[in-house]
Protein backbone atom coordinates (compact mmCIF):
# COMPACT_ATOMS: atom_id res chain seq x y z
CA MET A 1 3.74 36.43 -14.70
CA HIS A 2 4.37 32.83 -13.75
CA LYS A 3 7.94 31.99 -12.59
CA LYS A 4 8.68 28.32 -12.51
CA LEU A 5 9.68 27.26 -8.96
CA GLN A 6 13.04 25.76 -8.28
CA ASN A 7 13.26 22.58 -6.30
CA GLU A 8 14.28 24.27 -3.12
CA GLU A 9 11.22 26.57 -3.34
CA LEU A 10 8.69 23.72 -3.33
CA ASN A 11 8.69 23.31 0.36
CA ARG A 12 9.04 19.61 0.28
CA ILE A 13 8.94 17.76 3.59
CA SER A 14 11.77 15.28 4.47
CA THR A 15 11.46 11.49 4.56
CA GLU A 16 11.11 11.70 8.38
CA GLU A 17 8.55 14.42 8.24
CA PHE A 18 6.67 12.36 5.66
CA LYS A 19 6.60 9.36 7.95
CA GLN A 20 5.21 11.48 10.86
CA THR A 21 2.48 13.20 8.82
CA GLU A 22 -1.15 12.17 9.07
CA LYS A 23 -1.98 10.06 5.95
CA THR A 24 -5.12 9.79 3.99
CA PRO A 25 -6.94 6.58 5.09
CA LEU A 26 -6.43 4.81 1.73
CA ILE A 27 -4.38 1.84 0.80
CA ILE A 28 -3.48 1.04 -2.87
CA VAL A 29 -3.71 -2.63 -3.68
CA LEU A 30 -1.77 -3.63 -6.84
CA ASP A 31 -3.32 -7.03 -7.98
CA ASN A 32 -0.64 -8.78 -10.20
CA ILE A 33 0.92 -5.69 -11.94
CA ARG A 34 3.44 -6.68 -14.59
CA SER A 35 5.13 -3.24 -15.36
CA LEU A 36 7.83 -2.12 -13.09
CA ASN A 37 7.28 1.43 -14.31
CA ASN A 38 3.67 1.24 -13.31
CA ILE A 39 4.63 0.10 -9.76
CA GLY A 40 7.04 2.97 -9.40
CA SER A 41 4.53 5.50 -10.68
CA VAL A 42 1.94 4.30 -8.22
CA PHE A 43 4.46 4.70 -5.33
CA ARG A 44 5.11 8.30 -6.46
CA THR A 45 1.35 9.10 -6.65
CA ALA A 46 0.97 7.40 -3.07
CA ASP A 47 3.76 9.77 -1.92
CA ALA A 48 2.29 12.90 -3.59
CA PHE A 49 -1.18 12.47 -2.01
CA LEU A 50 0.02 11.07 1.42
CA ILE A 51 -1.55 7.75 1.13
CA GLU A 52 -1.18 5.30 3.99
CA ALA A 53 0.39 2.35 2.11
CA VAL A 54 0.74 0.23 -1.08
CA TYR A 55 0.23 -3.45 -0.99
CA LEU A 56 1.98 -5.38 -3.63
CA CYS A 57 0.34 -8.86 -4.44
CA GLY A 58 1.14 -11.87 -6.52
CA ILE A 59 3.52 -11.12 -9.57
CA THR A 60 3.88 -7.56 -8.49
CA ALA A 61 7.52 -6.68 -8.07
CA GLN A 62 8.79 -5.34 -4.80
CA PRO A 63 11.47 -2.63 -4.06
CA PRO A 64 14.29 -2.48 -4.20
CA HIS A 65 14.46 -2.83 -7.96
CA ARG A 66 16.13 -0.46 -10.36
CA ASP A 67 13.15 -0.15 -12.76
CA ILE A 68 10.70 0.59 -9.98
CA GLN A 69 13.14 3.24 -8.57
CA LYS A 70 13.49 4.86 -12.14
CA THR A 71 9.82 6.05 -11.80
CA ALA A 72 9.40 6.16 -8.08
CA LEU A 73 12.12 8.59 -7.61
CA GLY A 74 12.63 7.62 -3.94
CA ALA A 75 8.91 7.24 -3.06
CA THR A 76 9.59 3.56 -2.06
CA GLU A 77 11.59 4.99 0.85
CA THR A 78 8.62 7.16 2.18
CA VAL A 79 5.56 5.15 1.41
CA THR A 80 4.91 2.15 3.57
CA TRP A 81 4.28 -1.17 1.68
CA LYS A 82 3.57 -4.78 2.20
CA TYR A 83 3.83 -7.89 -0.01
CA PHE A 84 1.16 -10.64 -0.20
CA GLU A 85 1.19 -13.79 -2.12
CA THR A 86 -2.32 -13.32 -3.01
CA THR A 87 -4.56 -10.50 -3.43
CA ILE A 88 -7.13 -12.48 -1.47
CA GLN A 89 -4.63 -12.55 1.52
CA ALA A 90 -4.20 -8.74 1.35
CA LEU A 91 -8.09 -8.36 1.38
CA VAL A 92 -8.40 -10.56 4.54
CA ASP A 93 -5.84 -8.43 6.18
CA LEU A 94 -7.67 -5.32 5.19
CA LYS A 95 -11.09 -6.44 6.32
CA GLN A 96 -9.63 -7.52 9.61
CA ASN A 97 -8.43 -3.90 10.01
CA GLN A 98 -11.83 -2.37 9.16
CA TYR A 99 -11.02 -1.26 5.57
CA LYS A 100 -13.72 -1.23 2.92
CA ILE A 101 -12.57 -2.65 -0.39
CA ALA A 102 -13.12 -0.80 -3.74
CA SER A 103 -12.06 -2.52 -7.09
CA ILE A 104 -11.37 -0.13 -9.86
CA GLU A 105 -12.90 -1.73 -12.81
CA GLN A 106 -15.71 -1.66 -15.40
CA THR A 107 -18.63 -3.94 -14.38
CA GLU A 108 -22.35 -4.12 -14.24
CA ASN A 109 -23.67 -1.83 -11.66
CA SER A 110 -20.24 -0.12 -11.04
CA THR A 111 -20.34 3.34 -9.32
CA MET A 112 -18.94 6.15 -11.41
CA LEU A 113 -15.82 7.79 -9.66
CA ASN A 114 -17.65 11.22 -9.63
CA ASP A 115 -20.61 9.64 -7.67
CA PHE A 116 -18.55 7.82 -5.19
CA LYS A 117 -18.94 9.11 -1.54
CA VAL A 118 -16.80 8.63 1.31
CA LYS A 119 -17.52 9.31 4.94
CA PRO A 120 -14.89 10.98 7.15
CA ASN A 121 -14.25 7.94 9.47
CA GLU A 122 -14.12 5.37 6.55
CA LYS A 123 -10.85 3.56 5.60
CA TRP A 124 -10.72 2.41 1.91
CA ALA A 125 -8.57 0.06 -0.09
CA LEU A 126 -8.28 0.65 -3.75
CA VAL A 127 -7.64 -2.46 -5.94
CA PHE A 128 -5.98 -1.87 -9.39
CA GLY A 129 -5.68 -4.84 -11.58
CA ASN A 130 -3.38 -6.51 -14.11
CA GLU A 131 -2.59 -4.52 -17.29
CA VAL A 132 -4.18 -7.12 -19.48
CA ASN A 133 -6.87 -8.78 -17.34
CA GLY A 134 -7.76 -6.11 -14.84
CA VAL A 135 -9.09 -6.99 -11.39
CA GLU A 136 -9.99 -10.75 -11.06
CA GLN A 137 -13.56 -11.60 -10.68
CA GLU A 138 -12.72 -13.42 -7.30
CA ILE A 139 -11.56 -9.93 -6.09
CA ILE A 140 -14.41 -8.01 -7.40
CA ASN A 141 -16.77 -10.53 -5.63
CA GLN A 142 -14.98 -9.62 -2.25
CA SER A 143 -15.35 -5.79 -2.82
CA ASP A 144 -17.81 -3.51 -1.25
CA VAL A 145 -17.97 -1.43 -4.27
CA VAL A 146 -16.69 -1.23 -7.74
CA ILE A 147 -15.61 2.19 -8.97
CA GLU A 148 -15.37 3.05 -12.68
CA ILE A 149 -13.76 5.94 -14.25
CA PRO A 150 -16.11 7.71 -16.74
CA GLN A 151 -14.52 7.58 -20.20
CA TYR A 152 -15.97 8.79 -23.38
CA GLY A 153 -13.42 7.90 -26.23
CA THR A 154 -13.13 4.82 -28.20
CA LYS A 155 -10.66 2.83 -25.93
CA HIS A 156 -12.40 2.73 -22.45
CA SER A 157 -9.07 1.68 -21.00
CA LEU A 158 -6.43 3.51 -19.19
CA ASN A 159 -2.90 2.67 -18.07
CA ILE A 160 -3.01 1.45 -14.54
CA SER A 161 -0.68 4.36 -13.23
CA VAL A 162 -2.86 6.80 -14.92
CA SER A 163 -6.09 5.15 -13.33
CA ALA A 164 -4.32 5.32 -9.95
CA GLY A 165 -3.54 8.88 -10.23
CA ILE A 166 -7.06 9.85 -11.28
CA VAL A 167 -8.82 7.78 -8.51
CA VAL A 168 -6.43 8.55 -5.76
CA TRP A 169 -6.61 12.34 -6.48
CA GLU A 170 -10.45 12.24 -6.60
CA ILE A 171 -10.92 10.16 -3.45
CA GLN A 172 -8.37 12.10 -1.32
CA GLN A 173 -10.18 15.27 -2.38
CA LYS A 174 -13.40 13.87 -0.94
CA TYR A 175 -11.54 13.23 2.48
CA ARG A 176 -10.50 16.78 2.59
């Protein structure tokens, strides 16, 4: 028998405990994301998997915003975030701090997500692109690797918040 757990039975940590907890060495970079719901969903994913930070770039909206909050459900209060005018500026910051850059995109010679390997001491930044145009070629050119999510249907495209959930879950599992 499976009894659904009540909120108080979930053993959730407090905001302060979250901030003190060791994070997975991943930073999510949102490259010109239009949808406030997608932004909020990514914050919630970052909270769920103890991701180090979310970098918001270009036209990507910043908290506080009612429509981000609607899907983030408070995760903008727990997850560290920074804003950059351009995604290139974010990559410069990341590289100066010894992060490797992985764009999540479909390209020639991309690495399938299930084949992607991480070393325990590596820090990675995952770049997710605009809902229509994806990750810009200029950003792909600056990346250490391009990771592709294997897909088998007719669309070969996923919503950015779904992509972030899949990729972050898979990579944080590799660290553990």
